[in-house]
Protein backbone atom coordinates (compact mmCIF):
# COMPACT_ATOMS: atom_id res chain seq x y z
CA MET A 1 -69.91 30.80 -44.16
CA THR A 2 -67.52 31.83 -46.94
CA THR A 3 -64.02 33.19 -46.41
CA SER A 4 -65.11 36.69 -47.50
CA GLU A 5 -68.05 36.66 -45.07
CA ARG A 6 -65.77 35.53 -42.24
CA ALA A 7 -63.27 38.29 -43.07
CA ARG A 8 -65.95 40.94 -42.41
CA ILE A 9 -66.23 39.78 -38.78
CA SER A 10 -63.32 41.12 -36.79
CA ARG A 11 -61.76 39.47 -33.78
CA ARG A 12 -62.70 42.57 -31.79
CA ASP A 13 -66.34 42.02 -32.73
CA ILE A 14 -66.19 38.40 -31.60
CA ALA A 15 -64.53 39.40 -28.33
CA GLY A 16 -67.07 42.16 -27.71
CA VAL A 17 -70.10 39.92 -28.23
CA PHE A 18 -68.88 37.11 -26.00
CA LEU A 19 -67.53 39.38 -23.27
CA LYS A 20 -70.99 40.94 -23.16
CA LEU A 21 -72.70 37.56 -23.02
CA GLY A 22 -70.29 36.28 -20.39
CA THR A 23 -71.13 39.29 -18.22
CA ILE A 24 -74.94 39.37 -18.51
CA ALA A 25 -75.90 35.75 -19.29
CA PHE A 26 -77.64 34.68 -16.08
CA GLY A 27 -80.07 31.78 -15.91
CA GLY A 28 -78.12 28.71 -17.06
CA PRO A 29 -77.39 27.09 -20.44
CA ALA A 30 -80.88 27.49 -21.92
CA ALA A 31 -80.80 31.24 -21.26
CA HIS A 32 -77.24 31.49 -22.62
CA ILE A 33 -78.25 29.78 -25.86
CA ALA A 34 -81.26 32.07 -26.31
CA MET A 35 -79.06 35.15 -25.82
CA MET A 36 -76.49 33.85 -28.32
CA GLU A 37 -79.21 33.28 -30.91
CA GLU A 38 -80.43 36.85 -30.44
CA GLU A 39 -76.90 38.27 -30.80
CA VAL A 40 -75.43 36.23 -33.69
CA VAL A 41 -78.53 35.27 -35.71
CA VAL A 42 -81.12 38.00 -35.22
CA ARG A 43 -79.01 41.12 -34.58
CA ARG A 44 -75.74 40.50 -36.40
CA LYS A 45 -76.73 37.76 -38.87
CA TRP A 46 -73.37 36.03 -38.50
CA LEU A 47 -75.16 32.68 -38.81
CA THR A 48 -78.42 31.55 -40.32
CA ARG A 49 -80.91 30.00 -37.92
CA GLN A 50 -80.27 26.60 -39.51
CA GLN A 51 -76.52 26.93 -38.98
CA PHE A 52 -77.12 27.90 -35.38
CA LEU A 53 -79.32 24.83 -34.84
CA ASP A 54 -76.76 22.57 -36.50
CA TYR A 55 -74.01 23.73 -34.16
CA LEU A 56 -76.32 23.54 -31.18
CA GLY A 57 -76.99 19.92 -32.07
CA ALA A 58 -73.28 19.24 -32.44
CA THR A 59 -72.59 20.34 -28.85
CA ASN A 60 -74.72 17.44 -27.60
CA LEU A 61 -72.41 14.91 -29.28
CA ILE A 62 -69.34 15.81 -27.24
CA PRO A 63 -68.63 16.09 -23.50
CA GLY A 64 -68.53 19.44 -21.77
CA PRO A 65 -70.66 22.54 -21.13
CA ASN A 66 -73.08 22.93 -24.04
CA SER A 67 -73.50 26.71 -24.03
CA THR A 68 -69.74 27.28 -23.76
CA GLU A 69 -69.11 24.83 -26.60
CA LEU A 70 -71.71 26.61 -28.70
CA ALA A 71 -69.86 29.89 -28.13
CA ILE A 72 -66.63 28.19 -29.17
CA HIS A 73 -68.28 26.74 -32.31
CA ILE A 74 -69.59 30.17 -33.29
CA GLY A 75 -66.20 31.76 -32.72
CA HIS A 76 -64.55 29.08 -34.85
CA LEU A 77 -67.02 29.53 -37.69
CA CYS A 78 -66.74 33.33 -37.65
CA GLY A 79 -63.04 33.76 -36.89
CA GLY A 80 -61.22 30.49 -37.50
CA PRO A 81 -58.86 29.05 -34.86
CA ALA A 82 -58.24 32.49 -33.34
CA GLY A 83 -61.98 33.12 -33.14
CA LEU A 84 -62.43 29.76 -31.42
CA VAL A 85 -60.07 30.78 -28.62
CA ILE A 86 -61.35 34.35 -28.37
CA ALA A 87 -65.04 33.46 -28.17
CA GLY A 88 -64.56 30.73 -25.58
CA ALA A 89 -62.15 32.70 -23.41
CA CYS A 90 -64.29 35.86 -23.48
CA PHE A 91 -67.44 33.93 -22.55
CA ILE A 92 -65.68 32.23 -19.61
CA LEU A 93 -63.49 35.08 -18.29
CA PRO A 94 -66.07 37.42 -16.66
CA ALA A 95 -67.66 34.64 -14.62
CA ALA A 96 -64.26 33.22 -13.65
CA ILE A 97 -63.13 36.60 -12.30
CA ILE A 98 -66.37 37.16 -10.36
CA VAL A 99 -66.34 33.64 -8.89
CA THR A 100 -62.67 33.90 -7.89
CA ALA A 101 -63.38 37.14 -6.02
CA ILE A 102 -66.33 35.56 -4.20
CA ALA A 103 -64.26 32.47 -3.36
CA TYR A 104 -61.44 34.62 -1.98
CA LEU A 105 -63.86 36.32 0.41
CA TYR A 106 -65.37 32.95 1.27
CA VAL A 107 -61.96 31.54 2.25
CA ARG A 108 -60.99 34.68 4.15
CA PHE A 109 -64.18 35.02 6.20
CA GLY A 110 -65.18 31.36 6.41
CA GLN A 111 -68.44 31.84 4.53
CA LEU A 112 -69.83 33.36 1.40
CA PRO A 113 -69.75 37.19 1.36
CA ILE A 114 -73.51 37.06 1.90
CA ALA A 115 -75.05 36.16 5.22
CA GLY A 116 -76.42 32.79 6.24
CA GLY A 117 -80.01 33.89 5.66
CA VAL A 118 -79.26 34.36 1.97
CA LEU A 119 -77.86 30.84 1.65
CA TYR A 120 -80.83 29.52 3.61
CA THR A 121 -83.24 30.79 0.94
CA LEU A 122 -80.97 30.24 -2.07
CA LYS A 123 -80.11 26.58 -1.56
CA PRO A 124 -83.70 25.29 -1.82
CA VAL A 125 -84.12 27.27 -5.04
CA VAL A 126 -80.94 25.71 -6.45
CA ILE A 127 -82.27 22.24 -5.64
CA ALA A 128 -85.56 23.09 -7.40
CA ILE A 129 -83.69 24.35 -10.47
CA VAL A 130 -81.68 21.13 -10.68
CA VAL A 131 -84.82 18.98 -10.26
CA GLN A 132 -86.58 20.97 -12.97
CA ALA A 133 -83.63 20.49 -15.33
CA LEU A 134 -83.58 16.78 -14.53
CA ILE A 135 -87.29 16.40 -15.33
CA ARG A 136 -87.05 18.40 -18.55
CA LEU A 137 -83.98 16.58 -19.83
CA SER A 138 -85.36 13.15 -18.92
CA ARG A 139 -88.44 13.74 -21.08
CA THR A 140 -86.19 14.19 -24.09
CA ALA A 141 -83.47 11.67 -23.27
CA ILE A 142 -85.51 8.61 -22.28
CA LYS A 143 -86.83 7.62 -25.69
CA SER A 144 -87.48 3.92 -25.14
CA ARG A 145 -88.05 1.27 -22.52
CA MET A 146 -84.48 0.12 -22.97
CA LEU A 147 -83.15 3.59 -22.15
CA ALA A 148 -85.53 3.82 -19.19
CA ALA A 149 -84.16 0.52 -17.89
CA THR A 150 -80.59 1.75 -18.47
CA ALA A 151 -81.33 4.91 -16.50
CA ALA A 152 -82.87 2.92 -13.63
CA ALA A 153 -79.87 0.57 -13.50
CA ALA A 154 -77.53 3.56 -13.49
CA VAL A 155 -79.41 5.11 -10.56
CA VAL A 156 -79.09 1.90 -8.57
CA ALA A 157 -75.40 1.48 -9.44
CA THR A 158 -74.62 5.07 -8.48
CA ALA A 159 -76.54 4.81 -5.20
CA LEU A 160 -74.55 1.66 -4.37
CA GLY A 161 -71.28 3.55 -4.89
CA ALA A 162 -70.23 2.66 -8.44
CA ASN A 163 -67.65 4.98 -10.00
CA GLU A 164 -69.29 7.65 -12.14
CA LEU A 165 -67.06 6.86 -15.14
CA VAL A 166 -68.03 3.21 -14.99
CA VAL A 167 -71.70 4.22 -14.91
CA LEU A 168 -71.31 6.50 -17.94
CA ILE A 169 -69.29 4.05 -20.02
CA GLY A 170 -71.56 1.18 -19.02
CA GLY A 171 -74.64 3.12 -20.08
CA GLY A 172 -73.11 3.81 -23.47
CA LEU A 173 -72.04 0.20 -24.01
CA VAL A 174 -75.41 -1.23 -23.00
CA ALA A 175 -77.29 1.11 -25.33
CA ALA A 176 -74.87 0.47 -28.19
CA ALA A 177 -75.16 -3.30 -27.74
CA ALA A 178 -78.92 -3.07 -28.28
CA VAL A 179 -78.42 -1.68 -31.79
CA ARG A 180 -77.41 -3.77 -34.78
CA PRO A 181 -75.75 -1.53 -37.37
CA ALA A 182 -76.34 -2.20 -41.02
CA ARG A 183 -72.58 -2.31 -41.60
CA PRO A 184 -69.49 -2.25 -39.38
CA VAL A 185 -68.83 1.21 -38.02
CA ALA A 186 -65.47 2.39 -36.69
CA PRO A 187 -65.61 3.39 -33.03
CA ALA A 188 -65.98 7.11 -32.42
CA PRO A 189 -62.71 8.57 -31.04
CA LEU A 190 -64.49 10.93 -28.67
CA LEU A 191 -66.24 8.06 -26.91
CA LEU A 192 -62.88 6.60 -25.87
CA SER A 193 -61.78 9.69 -23.96
CA PRO A 194 -63.06 8.52 -20.53
CA VAL A 195 -60.76 5.50 -20.62
CA VAL A 196 -57.76 7.57 -21.64
CA ILE A 197 -58.11 10.29 -19.04
CA ALA A 198 -59.76 8.57 -16.10
CA SER A 199 -56.47 7.56 -14.49
CA ALA A 200 -54.93 11.02 -14.65
CA THR A 201 -55.66 11.88 -11.02
CA THR A 202 -53.55 11.88 -7.89
CA THR A 203 -54.44 12.10 -4.22
CA PRO A 204 -52.38 15.08 -2.90
CA ALA A 205 -54.04 18.49 -3.24
CA SER A 206 -51.41 19.83 -5.63
CA LEU A 207 -52.09 22.17 -8.53
CA LEU A 208 -51.35 19.33 -10.93
CA ALA A 209 -53.85 17.07 -9.15
CA ILE A 210 -56.52 19.78 -9.23
CA PHE A 211 -55.91 20.37 -12.94
CA ALA A 212 -56.00 16.64 -13.73
CA LEU A 213 -59.25 16.07 -11.84
CA PHE A 214 -61.05 18.92 -13.57
CA ALA A 215 -59.59 18.02 -16.98
CA LYS A 216 -60.91 14.48 -16.50
CA THR A 217 -64.32 15.84 -15.57
CA GLY A 218 -64.47 18.25 -18.50
CA ALA A 219 -63.46 15.44 -20.87
CA VAL A 220 -66.11 12.91 -19.85
CA LEU A 221 -69.12 14.91 -18.64
CA PHE A 222 -72.09 14.55 -20.96
CA GLY A 223 -75.48 16.18 -20.48
CA SER A 224 -76.36 19.23 -18.44
CA GLY A 225 -73.81 21.24 -16.54
CA TYR A 226 -75.67 20.15 -13.42
CA VAL A 227 -74.20 16.66 -13.86
CA LEU A 228 -70.94 18.32 -12.78
CA LEU A 229 -72.27 18.10 -9.22
CA ALA A 230 -72.08 14.31 -9.28
CA PHE A 231 -68.44 14.37 -10.36
CA LEU A 232 -67.43 17.00 -7.82
CA ARG A 233 -69.08 15.17 -4.95
CA ALA A 234 -67.59 11.80 -5.94
CA ASP A 235 -64.03 13.16 -6.27
CA PHE A 236 -63.73 16.08 -3.87
CA VAL A 237 -66.14 15.11 -1.07
CA ASP A 238 -66.37 11.31 -0.94
CA ARG A 239 -63.00 10.14 -2.26
CA LEU A 240 -60.45 12.86 -1.47
CA HIS A 241 -62.24 14.75 1.35
CA TRP A 242 -60.96 18.10 0.07
CA LEU A 243 -64.45 19.62 0.44
CA THR A 244 -67.45 19.17 2.71
CA ASP A 245 -71.02 18.83 1.45
CA ARG A 246 -71.69 22.34 2.71
CA GLN A 247 -68.75 23.78 0.76
CA LEU A 248 -69.88 21.94 -2.37
CA LEU A 249 -73.41 23.28 -2.02
CA ASP A 250 -72.01 26.79 -1.51
CA ALA A 251 -69.97 26.33 -4.69
CA ILE A 252 -73.13 25.34 -6.55
CA VAL A 253 -74.95 28.41 -5.24
CA VAL A 254 -72.14 30.66 -6.48
CA GLY A 255 -72.35 29.00 -9.89
CA GLN A 256 -76.07 29.78 -9.96
CA ILE A 257 -75.97 33.41 -8.84
CA THR A 258 -73.15 34.48 -11.15
CA PRO A 259 -73.36 34.96 -14.92
CA GLY A 260 -71.76 32.76 -17.53
CA PRO A 261 -71.08 29.02 -17.51
CA VAL A 262 -72.27 26.90 -14.57
CA PHE A 263 -68.89 25.15 -14.86
CA THR A 264 -67.26 28.10 -13.08
CA THR A 265 -68.30 26.21 -9.96
CA ALA A 266 -64.92 24.57 -10.60
CA THR A 267 -63.25 27.97 -10.25
CA PHE A 268 -64.75 28.36 -6.78
CA VAL A 269 -63.69 24.85 -5.74
CA GLY A 270 -60.13 25.39 -6.97
CA CYS A 271 -59.85 28.67 -5.06
CA VAL A 272 -61.17 27.10 -1.84
CA ILE A 273 -58.62 24.30 -2.08
CA ALA A 274 -55.52 26.17 -3.32
CA GLY A 275 -56.16 29.93 -3.56
CA TRP A 276 -56.11 31.95 -6.76
CA GLN A 277 -53.66 29.52 -8.38
CA GLY A 278 -56.11 26.70 -7.72
CA ALA A 279 -58.86 28.81 -9.27
CA VAL A 280 -56.79 29.30 -12.42
CA VAL A 281 -55.79 25.66 -12.90
CA ALA A 282 -59.30 24.42 -12.10
CA THR A 283 -60.81 26.80 -14.65
CA VAL A 284 -58.30 25.88 -17.34
CA GLY A 285 -58.71 22.18 -16.57
CA ILE A 286 -62.52 22.09 -16.71
CA PHE A 287 -62.81 24.13 -19.93
CA LEU A 288 -59.75 23.00 -21.91
CA PRO A 289 -61.35 19.76 -23.19
CA ALA A 290 -64.25 21.77 -24.63
CA PHE A 291 -61.86 23.75 -26.85
CA VAL A 292 -60.13 20.56 -28.00
CA PHE A 293 -63.37 18.67 -28.69
CA VAL A 294 -64.98 21.53 -30.59
CA ALA A 295 -61.89 21.91 -32.79
CA ALA A 296 -61.78 18.16 -33.46
CA SER A 297 -65.46 17.30 -33.74
CA GLY A 298 -66.53 19.31 -36.79
CA PRO A 299 -65.82 16.70 -39.48
CA LEU A 300 -66.87 13.85 -37.16
CA VAL A 301 -70.35 15.14 -36.43
CA PRO A 302 -72.06 13.98 -39.67
CA ARG A 303 -70.37 10.59 -39.40
CA LEU A 304 -71.50 10.09 -35.81
CA ARG A 305 -75.06 11.12 -36.64
CA ARG A 306 -75.20 8.55 -39.45
CA SER A 307 -73.91 5.75 -37.22
CA PRO A 308 -76.64 3.77 -35.42
CA THR A 309 -74.12 2.42 -32.93
CA ALA A 310 -72.56 5.79 -32.07
CA GLY A 311 -75.97 7.43 -31.81
CA ALA A 312 -77.25 4.73 -29.48
CA ALA A 313 -74.10 4.95 -27.34
CA LEU A 314 -74.59 8.68 -26.94
CA ASP A 315 -78.19 8.10 -25.88
CA GLY A 316 -76.96 5.62 -23.26
CA VAL A 317 -74.32 8.01 -21.94
CA THR A 318 -76.94 10.75 -21.70
CA VAL A 319 -79.40 8.74 -19.61
CA ALA A 320 -76.54 7.56 -17.38
CA SER A 321 -75.60 11.21 -16.87
CA LEU A 322 -79.15 11.94 -15.79
CA ALA A 323 -78.97 9.05 -13.32
CA LEU A 324 -75.85 10.57 -11.75
CA MET A 325 -77.65 13.89 -11.60
CA ALA A 326 -80.68 12.36 -9.87
CA VAL A 327 -78.64 10.64 -7.15
CA VAL A 328 -76.49 13.65 -6.35
CA THR A 329 -79.58 15.90 -6.25
CA TRP A 330 -81.10 13.63 -3.62
CA GLN A 331 -77.85 13.64 -1.61
CA LEU A 332 -77.49 17.42 -1.71
CA GLY A 333 -81.18 17.94 -1.03
CA ARG A 334 -80.79 16.32 2.37
CA ALA A 335 -78.38 19.13 3.35
CA ALA A 336 -80.27 21.96 1.63
CA LEU A 337 -83.77 21.12 2.94
CA PRO A 338 -83.49 20.71 6.72
CA ASP A 339 -86.96 21.98 7.68
CA VAL A 340 -90.50 22.81 6.58
CA VAL A 341 -89.60 26.31 5.42
CA THR A 342 -86.89 25.17 3.02
CA TRP A 343 -89.10 22.36 1.70
CA THR A 344 -91.82 24.95 1.06
CA ILE A 345 -89.41 27.25 -0.78
CA ALA A 346 -88.17 24.37 -2.92
CA SER A 347 -91.72 23.16 -3.69
CA ILE A 348 -92.99 26.60 -4.67
CA SER A 349 -89.89 27.19 -6.81
CA LEU A 350 -90.35 23.86 -8.59
CA LEU A 351 -94.03 24.64 -9.24
CA LEU A 352 -93.14 28.03 -10.74
CA LEU A 353 -90.46 26.45 -12.91
CA LEU A 354 -92.57 23.56 -14.19
CA ARG A 355 -96.06 25.03 -14.35
CA TYR A 356 -95.42 28.69 -15.15
CA ARG A 357 -91.97 28.39 -16.80
CA VAL A 358 -90.51 31.18 -14.69
CA ASN A 359 -86.91 31.97 -15.64
CA SER A 360 -84.58 30.50 -13.03
CA ALA A 361 -82.69 33.79 -12.85
CA TRP A 362 -85.81 35.48 -11.44
CA LEU A 363 -86.14 32.83 -8.76
CA VAL A 364 -82.49 33.17 -7.80
CA GLY A 365 -82.92 36.94 -7.63
CA ALA A 366 -86.05 36.63 -5.49
CA ALA A 367 -84.34 34.18 -3.12
CA LEU A 368 -81.37 36.54 -2.87
CA ALA A 369 -83.64 39.49 -2.04
CA VAL A 370 -85.61 37.52 0.58
CA GLY A 371 -82.38 36.31 2.14
CA LEU A 372 -81.05 39.85 2.34
CA VAL A 373 -84.26 40.98 4.03
CA ILE A 374 -83.99 38.13 6.53
CA THR A 375 -80.42 39.11 7.42
CA GLY A 376 -81.28 42.80 7.68
CA TRP A 377 -79.27 44.02 4.67
CA LEU A 378 -82.31 45.60 3.02
CA ARG A 379 -84.11 46.84 6.13
């Protein structure tokens, strides 16, 4: 995009598009990306389809939420540094406000502002959505027997209690070691970020501790936004005991039934722990690395793609992320599927997702409606 073409796109236009998307983009990252393509390629022609695909590919090379990073990339291309901030903030803000309001009611009344029957039908659908994402992503990510073995080892290590950062870094190192580059390649700066940030956590439930934990997570989380669940459970449930499994599952449900990035689950968690201030610092912490990585990664992307070692390391990190996702899905499924009815809901949902490719937003909506009928809200 030339300077003159960029000048024709105002900051108000960028804000308007991404506020709209942040408000109506239900259905997870795949749906978000499809809506962005419709808005900026088909309708407004801000990018060519090839440019859009190039930036979509670039989001898979850095940690963080892919659809949010794609929004930030588009804003940067169309509006420079100011556009980068505007696009990202406008895509995140609507969901963050909605989730904070829901979390406030949750804290005040001791449950989500929807009755137990709604959660009863929603949680199995959420589990099915995560399983479907895991299956779909595994088909693409596991490209060789070596990567399959790496994924299996990561599942075992995670189930035995290994730290999630160790699993991710180990997966990357193992995959990189299996590749012999044609010439020495300098290590990729972005791949070192887990080591730099991993120690930036503290035990007390202070605002600084909440920010540091979510900043660490946003800086090292590769793969689907659903991998966030593994990090949240490891830090907030198992290690620090700031949340229960039920609260974490409720946070996941809120992330599913609200528009915008799935990462706003962090907003809910922050509000539950420390009120609206916790919601703010958690949101800033989880998304801030995405802005930094998008701004820094542009010139590095071609270099990383040409590097056999860096490419292999990214493949290893990706399959390790899927291993984390598989283990945490099994752990959460034990709480979400207590009886035959919930197992049936989850099984039917998974069949519809895999066989008939039903949009997950429709399943969430159907589960919400059935739950409201069960509780008497729609009688």
